[in-house]
Amino acid sequence: CPGVPIHWPVPGPSFLETFPVGRASAGQGVLPFDIDTRGNIPRAYSQNCAGATTTSMSPCSGCTEVVGFIEHLLSLAQDTKPHTKYQFLSHSDMVNVARQYSAENNQLKLKGLNDARRVSHILTQLDDYKSLIMALSENNIPRLQHILTVTLKRGSSIRQIINTLEDSLAGAYHPRGYTGDDLDMAVLAYRL
């Protein structure tokens, strides 16, 4: 019996890379035929092959039943579903799945790095707010209200406000403006 020639028009490098060879192993979904790849055209032989036929170059009745299975496998190989078990995929399909998982892994790594950077930035801002609250709670900064008003009008960040408060405590920054006492003295001088 010459077996049944397997015509496999699936795009890919070779027959063995695009044929779902995992189905040739034992278990559920196993193929009811064996494959011979020694010639130019791969051939399928039924597991019930008679080994000989009455006519030359025509397959036995057992091997002719294999044609339906091959056509079914061909339709599955041309349109692989994403939920197909890995053991039923071809080598090239498995390579594609590995590439997809690798790309997804890289995207998740990048997302993790971005999230870590965002969290680090938020924690830094939180520390800045804590520093501002501590500076405000000490109440020993002269003209505190005026400093806050001026820095907020400038559109300063929390870090810049804290730096200005620290400079004011160190004596490097002197807020200009008039306090209530200064205004009262000016009114008194004006009226006299």
C-alpha atoms as a PDB file:
ATOM      1  CA  CYS A   1       0.000   0.000   0.000  1.00  0.00           C
ATOM      2  CA  PRO A   2       1.559   3.342  -0.999  1.00  0.00           C
ATOM      3  CA  GLY A   3      -0.481   5.246   1.601  1.00  0.00           C
ATOM      4  CA  VAL A   4      -2.224   8.565   1.052  1.00  0.00           C
ATOM      5  CA  PRO A   5      -0.158  11.580  -0.034  1.00  0.00           C
ATOM      6  CA  ILE A   6      -0.597  14.547   2.297  1.00  0.00           C
ATOM      7  CA  HIS A   7      -1.081  17.781   0.364  1.00  0.00           C
ATOM      8  CA  TRP A   8      -0.425  20.459   2.974  1.00  0.00           C
ATOM      9  CA  PRO A   9      -0.894  24.012   1.574  1.00  0.00           C
ATOM     10  CA  VAL A  10      -0.445  25.680   4.978  1.00  0.00           C
ATOM     11  CA  PRO A  11       1.993  28.613   4.709  1.00  0.00           C
ATOM     12  CA  GLY A  12       5.145  28.010   6.663  1.00  0.00           C
ATOM     13  CA  PRO A  13       8.737  26.869   6.439  1.00  0.00           C
ATOM     14  CA  SER A  14       8.128  23.107   6.207  1.00  0.00           C
ATOM     15  CA  PHE A  15       5.511  20.417   6.614  1.00  0.00           C
ATOM     16  CA  LEU A  16       6.783  19.286  10.015  1.00  0.00           C
ATOM     17  CA  GLU A  17       6.712  22.835  11.395  1.00  0.00           C
ATOM     18  CA  THR A  18       3.111  23.473  10.358  1.00  0.00           C
ATOM     19  CA  PHE A  19       1.627  20.010  10.958  1.00  0.00           C
ATOM     20  CA  PRO A  20       0.221  19.441  14.471  1.00  0.00           C
ATOM     21  CA  VAL A  21       2.660  16.661  15.343  1.00  0.00           C
ATOM     22  CA  GLY A  22       1.453  16.626  18.957  1.00  0.00           C
ATOM     23  CA  ARG A  23      -1.612  14.771  17.723  1.00  0.00           C
ATOM     24  CA  ALA A  24       0.595  11.873  16.657  1.00  0.00           C
ATOM     25  CA  SER A  25       1.321  10.996  20.304  1.00  0.00           C
ATOM     26  CA  ALA A  26      -0.860   8.809  22.499  1.00  0.00           C
ATOM     27  CA  GLY A  27      -3.896  10.202  24.313  1.00  0.00           C
ATOM     28  CA  GLN A  28      -7.086  12.040  23.494  1.00  0.00           C
ATOM     29  CA  GLY A  29      -7.155  13.514  19.981  1.00  0.00           C
ATOM     30  CA  VAL A  30      -4.518  11.091  18.695  1.00  0.00           C
ATOM     31  CA  LEU A  31      -4.365  10.608  14.929  1.00  0.00           C
ATOM     32  CA  PRO A  32      -5.659   7.307  13.515  1.00  0.00           C
ATOM     33  CA  PHE A  33      -2.734   7.179  11.071  1.00  0.00           C
ATOM     34  CA  ASP A  34       1.046   7.280  10.922  1.00  0.00           C
ATOM     35  CA  ILE A  35       3.075   9.732   8.886  1.00  0.00           C
ATOM     36  CA  ASP A  36       6.040   8.931   6.663  1.00  0.00           C
ATOM     37  CA  THR A  37       8.134  11.981   5.779  1.00  0.00           C
ATOM     38  CA  ARG A  38      11.003  10.185   4.034  1.00  0.00           C
ATOM     39  CA  GLY A  39       9.982  11.162   0.498  1.00  0.00           C
ATOM     40  CA  ASN A  40       9.379  14.524  -1.163  1.00  0.00           C
ATOM     41  CA  ILE A  41       5.675  14.319  -0.332  1.00  0.00           C
ATOM     42  CA  PRO A  42       4.685  13.143   3.146  1.00  0.00           C
ATOM     43  CA  ARG A  43       2.381  10.140   3.207  1.00  0.00           C
ATOM     44  CA  ALA A  44      -0.190   8.900   5.707  1.00  0.00           C
ATOM     45  CA  TYR A  45      -0.745   5.252   6.531  1.00  0.00           C
ATOM     46  CA  SER A  46      -3.762   4.087   8.471  1.00  0.00           C
ATOM     47  CA  GLN A  47      -3.132   2.133  11.635  1.00  0.00           C
ATOM     48  CA  ASN A  48      -5.424  -0.471  10.043  1.00  0.00           C
ATOM     49  CA  CYS A  49      -3.446  -0.506   6.784  1.00  0.00           C
ATOM     50  CA  ALA A  50      -3.586  -3.806   4.959  1.00  0.00           C
ATOM     51  CA  GLY A  51      -0.081  -3.290   3.614  1.00  0.00           C
ATOM     52  CA  ALA A  52      -1.028  -4.333   0.097  1.00  0.00           C
ATOM     53  CA  THR A  53      -3.687  -3.430  -2.455  1.00  0.00           C
ATOM     54  CA  THR A  54      -5.155  -5.118  -5.482  1.00  0.00           C
ATOM     55  CA  THR A  55      -4.330  -2.201  -7.757  1.00  0.00           C
ATOM     56  CA  SER A  56      -0.913  -0.640  -7.959  1.00  0.00           C
ATOM     57  CA  MET A  57      -0.330   2.903  -6.611  1.00  0.00           C
ATOM     58  CA  SER A  58      -3.773   3.131  -4.997  1.00  0.00           C
ATOM     59  CA  PRO A  59      -4.180   3.100  -1.209  1.00  0.00           C
ATOM     60  CA  CYS A  60      -5.961   0.329   0.661  1.00  0.00           C
ATOM     61  CA  SER A  61      -9.437   0.873   2.124  1.00  0.00           C
ATOM     62  CA  GLY A  62      -8.011   1.624   5.590  1.00  0.00           C
ATOM     63  CA  CYS A  63      -5.731   4.344   4.215  1.00  0.00           C
ATOM     64  CA  THR A  64      -8.531   5.912   2.136  1.00  0.00           C
ATOM     65  CA  GLU A  65     -10.454   6.625   5.341  1.00  0.00           C
ATOM     66  CA  VAL A  66      -7.535   8.783   6.477  1.00  0.00           C
ATOM     67  CA  VAL A  67      -8.271  11.460   3.827  1.00  0.00           C
ATOM     68  CA  GLY A  68     -11.154  12.912   5.898  1.00  0.00           C
ATOM     69  CA  PHE A  69      -8.920  13.247   8.977  1.00  0.00           C
ATOM     70  CA  ILE A  70      -6.214  14.985   6.941  1.00  0.00           C
ATOM     71  CA  GLU A  71      -8.733  17.472   5.509  1.00  0.00           C
ATOM     72  CA  HIS A  72     -10.041  18.161   9.014  1.00  0.00           C
ATOM     73  CA  LEU A  73      -6.494  18.737  10.306  1.00  0.00           C
ATOM     74  CA  LEU A  74      -5.796  21.015   7.343  1.00  0.00           C
ATOM     75  CA  SER A  75      -8.828  23.180   8.173  1.00  0.00           C
ATOM     76  CA  LEU A  76      -7.738  23.340  11.841  1.00  0.00           C
ATOM     77  CA  ALA A  77      -4.156  24.264  10.887  1.00  0.00           C
ATOM     78  CA  GLN A  78      -5.291  27.039   8.545  1.00  0.00           C
ATOM     79  CA  ASP A  79      -7.600  28.576  11.151  1.00  0.00           C
ATOM     80  CA  THR A  80      -6.072  27.982  14.593  1.00  0.00           C
ATOM     81  CA  LYS A  81      -8.356  29.052  17.431  1.00  0.00           C
ATOM     82  CA  PRO A  82      -6.818  30.834  20.452  1.00  0.00           C
ATOM     83  CA  HIS A  83      -8.300  28.317  22.888  1.00  0.00           C
ATOM     84  CA  THR A  84      -6.721  25.267  21.186  1.00  0.00           C
ATOM     85  CA  LYS A  85      -4.759  23.036  23.562  1.00  0.00           C
ATOM     86  CA  TYR A  86      -1.028  23.377  23.151  1.00  0.00           C
ATOM     87  CA  GLN A  87      -0.557  19.683  22.402  1.00  0.00           C
ATOM     88  CA  PHE A  88      -2.718  20.103  19.294  1.00  0.00           C
ATOM     89  CA  LEU A  89      -0.785  23.076  17.903  1.00  0.00           C
ATOM     90  CA  SER A  90       1.963  22.903  15.335  1.00  0.00           C
ATOM     91  CA  HIS A  91       5.530  23.949  16.019  1.00  0.00           C
ATOM     92  CA  SER A  92       5.105  27.290  14.237  1.00  0.00           C
ATOM     93  CA  ASP A  93       1.865  27.949  16.180  1.00  0.00           C
ATOM     94  CA  MET A  94       3.713  27.233  19.445  1.00  0.00           C
ATOM     95  CA  VAL A  95       6.458  29.665  18.416  1.00  0.00           C
ATOM     96  CA  ASN A  96       3.783  32.313  17.757  1.00  0.00           C
ATOM     97  CA  VAL A  97       2.198  31.638  21.162  1.00  0.00           C
ATOM     98  CA  ALA A  98       5.612  31.961  22.837  1.00  0.00           C
ATOM     99  CA  ARG A  99       6.191  35.276  21.032  1.00  0.00           C
ATOM    100  CA  GLN A 100       2.769  36.556  22.136  1.00  0.00           C
ATOM    101  CA  TYR A 101       3.495  35.621  25.755  1.00  0.00           C
ATOM    102  CA  SER A 102       6.918  37.252  25.505  1.00  0.00           C
ATOM    103  CA  ALA A 103       5.375  40.472  24.155  1.00  0.00           C
ATOM    104  CA  GLU A 104       2.707  40.409  26.884  1.00  0.00           C
ATOM    105  CA  ASN A 105       5.418  39.808  29.487  1.00  0.00           C
ATOM    106  CA  ASN A 106       7.387  42.807  28.222  1.00  0.00           C
ATOM    107  CA  GLN A 107       4.264  44.991  28.315  1.00  0.00           C
ATOM    108  CA  LEU A 108       3.562  43.929  31.893  1.00  0.00           C
ATOM    109  CA  LYS A 109       7.179  44.631  32.894  1.00  0.00           C
ATOM    110  CA  LEU A 110       6.942  48.104  31.387  1.00  0.00           C
ATOM    111  CA  LYS A 111       3.626  48.717  33.126  1.00  0.00           C
ATOM    112  CA  GLY A 112       5.169  47.579  36.423  1.00  0.00           C
ATOM    113  CA  LEU A 113       8.107  49.957  35.982  1.00  0.00           C
ATOM    114  CA  ASN A 114       5.771  52.836  35.134  1.00  0.00           C
ATOM    115  CA  ASP A 115       3.600  52.066  38.156  1.00  0.00           C
ATOM    116  CA  ALA A 116       6.675  51.930  40.411  1.00  0.00           C
ATOM    117  CA  ARG A 117       7.822  55.304  39.091  1.00  0.00           C
ATOM    118  CA  ARG A 118       4.360  56.794  39.617  1.00  0.00           C
ATOM    119  CA  VAL A 119       4.189  55.433  43.185  1.00  0.00           C
ATOM    120  CA  SER A 120       7.667  56.787  43.930  1.00  0.00           C
ATOM    121  CA  HIS A 121       6.622  60.231  42.681  1.00  0.00           C
ATOM    122  CA  ILE A 122       3.446  60.169  44.778  1.00  0.00           C
ATOM    123  CA  LEU A 123       5.400  59.114  47.885  1.00  0.00           C
ATOM    124  CA  THR A 124       7.803  62.015  47.314  1.00  0.00           C
ATOM    125  CA  GLN A 125       4.863  64.406  47.065  1.00  0.00           C
ATOM    126  CA  LEU A 126       3.404  62.937  50.240  1.00  0.00           C
ATOM    127  CA  ASP A 127       6.704  63.553  52.042  1.00  0.00           C
ATOM    128  CA  ASP A 128       6.637  67.150  50.777  1.00  0.00           C
ATOM    129  CA  TYR A 129       3.124  67.652  52.144  1.00  0.00           C
ATOM    130  CA  LYS A 130       4.189  66.178  55.488  1.00  0.00           C
ATOM    131  CA  SER A 131       7.116  68.606  55.577  1.00  0.00           C
ATOM    132  CA  LEU A 132       4.783  71.519  54.865  1.00  0.00           C
ATOM    133  CA  ILE A 133       2.396  70.447  57.617  1.00  0.00           C
ATOM    134  CA  MET A 134       5.313  70.151  60.058  1.00  0.00           C
ATOM    135  CA  ALA A 135       6.559  73.629  59.096  1.00  0.00           C
ATOM    136  CA  LEU A 136       3.080  75.100  59.499  1.00  0.00           C
ATOM    137  CA  SER A 137       2.539  73.418  62.862  1.00  0.00           C
ATOM    138  CA  GLU A 138       5.675  74.995  64.389  1.00  0.00           C
ATOM    139  CA  ASN A 139       4.220  78.550  64.087  1.00  0.00           C
ATOM    140  CA  ASN A 140       7.643  80.161  64.469  1.00  0.00           C
ATOM    141  CA  ILE A 141       7.944  81.432  60.901  1.00  0.00           C
ATOM    142  CA  PRO A 142       7.545  85.212  60.699  1.00  0.00           C
ATOM    143  CA  ARG A 143       4.862  86.415  58.287  1.00  0.00           C
ATOM    144  CA  LEU A 144       3.814  82.865  57.440  1.00  0.00           C
ATOM    145  CA  GLN A 145       0.491  83.911  55.893  1.00  0.00           C
ATOM    146  CA  HIS A 146       2.223  86.410  53.629  1.00  0.00           C
ATOM    147  CA  ILE A 147       4.817  83.843  52.468  1.00  0.00           C
ATOM    148  CA  LEU A 148       2.101  81.322  51.606  1.00  0.00           C
ATOM    149  CA  THR A 149       0.059  83.934  49.744  1.00  0.00           C
ATOM    150  CA  VAL A 150       3.048  85.103  47.686  1.00  0.00           C
ATOM    151  CA  THR A 151       4.260  81.598  46.783  1.00  0.00           C
ATOM    152  CA  LEU A 152       0.780  80.422  45.826  1.00  0.00           C
ATOM    153  CA  LYS A 153       0.288  83.502  43.617  1.00  0.00           C
ATOM    154  CA  ARG A 154       3.534  82.587  41.861  1.00  0.00           C
ATOM    155  CA  GLY A 155       2.206  79.086  41.248  1.00  0.00           C
ATOM    156  CA  SER A 156       4.955  77.479  43.313  1.00  0.00           C
ATOM    157  CA  SER A 157       5.009  73.774  43.984  1.00  0.00           C
ATOM    158  CA  ILE A 158       4.912  72.281  47.457  1.00  0.00           C
ATOM    159  CA  ARG A 159       8.683  71.732  47.325  1.00  0.00           C
ATOM    160  CA  GLN A 160       9.246  75.420  46.416  1.00  0.00           C
ATOM    161  CA  ILE A 161       6.931  76.566  49.228  1.00  0.00           C
ATOM    162  CA  ILE A 162       8.862  74.436  51.730  1.00  0.00           C
ATOM    163  CA  ASN A 163      12.188  75.794  50.437  1.00  0.00           C
ATOM    164  CA  THR A 164      10.898  79.356  50.810  1.00  0.00           C
ATOM    165  CA  LEU A 165       9.759  78.621  54.378  1.00  0.00           C
ATOM    166  CA  GLU A 166      13.163  77.083  55.176  1.00  0.00           C
ATOM    167  CA  ASP A 167      14.909  80.131  53.679  1.00  0.00           C
ATOM    168  CA  SER A 168      12.711  82.400  55.797  1.00  0.00           C
ATOM    169  CA  LEU A 169      13.678  80.471  58.945  1.00  0.00           C
ATOM    170  CA  ALA A 170      17.360  80.676  57.988  1.00  0.00           C
ATOM    171  CA  GLY A 171      17.056  84.409  57.401  1.00  0.00           C
ATOM    172  CA  ALA A 172      17.855  84.190  53.680  1.00  0.00           C
ATOM    173  CA  TYR A 173      14.337  85.205  52.637  1.00  0.00           C
ATOM    174  CA  HIS A 174      12.681  88.311  54.008  1.00  0.00           C
ATOM    175  CA  PRO A 175       9.066  88.696  53.037  1.00  0.00           C
ATOM    176  CA  ARG A 176       8.177  92.207  52.069  1.00  0.00           C
ATOM    177  CA  GLY A 177       4.862  93.688  52.934  1.00  0.00           C
ATOM    178  CA  TYR A 178       3.143  95.226  55.858  1.00  0.00           C
ATOM    179  CA  THR A 179       1.667  93.621  58.928  1.00  0.00           C
ATOM    180  CA  GLY A 180      -1.432  94.820  60.708  1.00  0.00           C
ATOM    181  CA  ASP A 181       0.746  96.698  63.205  1.00  0.00           C
ATOM    182  CA  ASP A 182       2.577  98.482  60.357  1.00  0.00           C
ATOM    183  CA  LEU A 183      -0.717  99.548  58.831  1.00  0.00           C
ATOM    184  CA  ASP A 184      -2.024 100.786  62.183  1.00  0.00           C
ATOM    185  CA  MET A 185       1.134 102.871  62.661  1.00  0.00           C
ATOM    186  CA  ALA A 186       0.737 104.322  59.152  1.00  0.00           C
ATOM    187  CA  VAL A 187      -2.875 105.303  59.809  1.00  0.00           C
ATOM    188  CA  LEU A 188      -1.934 106.844  63.139  1.00  0.00           C
ATOM    189  CA  ALA A 189       0.899 108.842  61.543  1.00  0.00           C
ATOM    190  CA  TYR A 190      -1.371 109.991  58.758  1.00  0.00           C
ATOM    191  CA  ARG A 191      -4.019 111.231  61.116  1.00  0.00           C
ATOM    192  CA  LEU A 192      -1.617 113.119  63.309  1.00  0.00           C
END
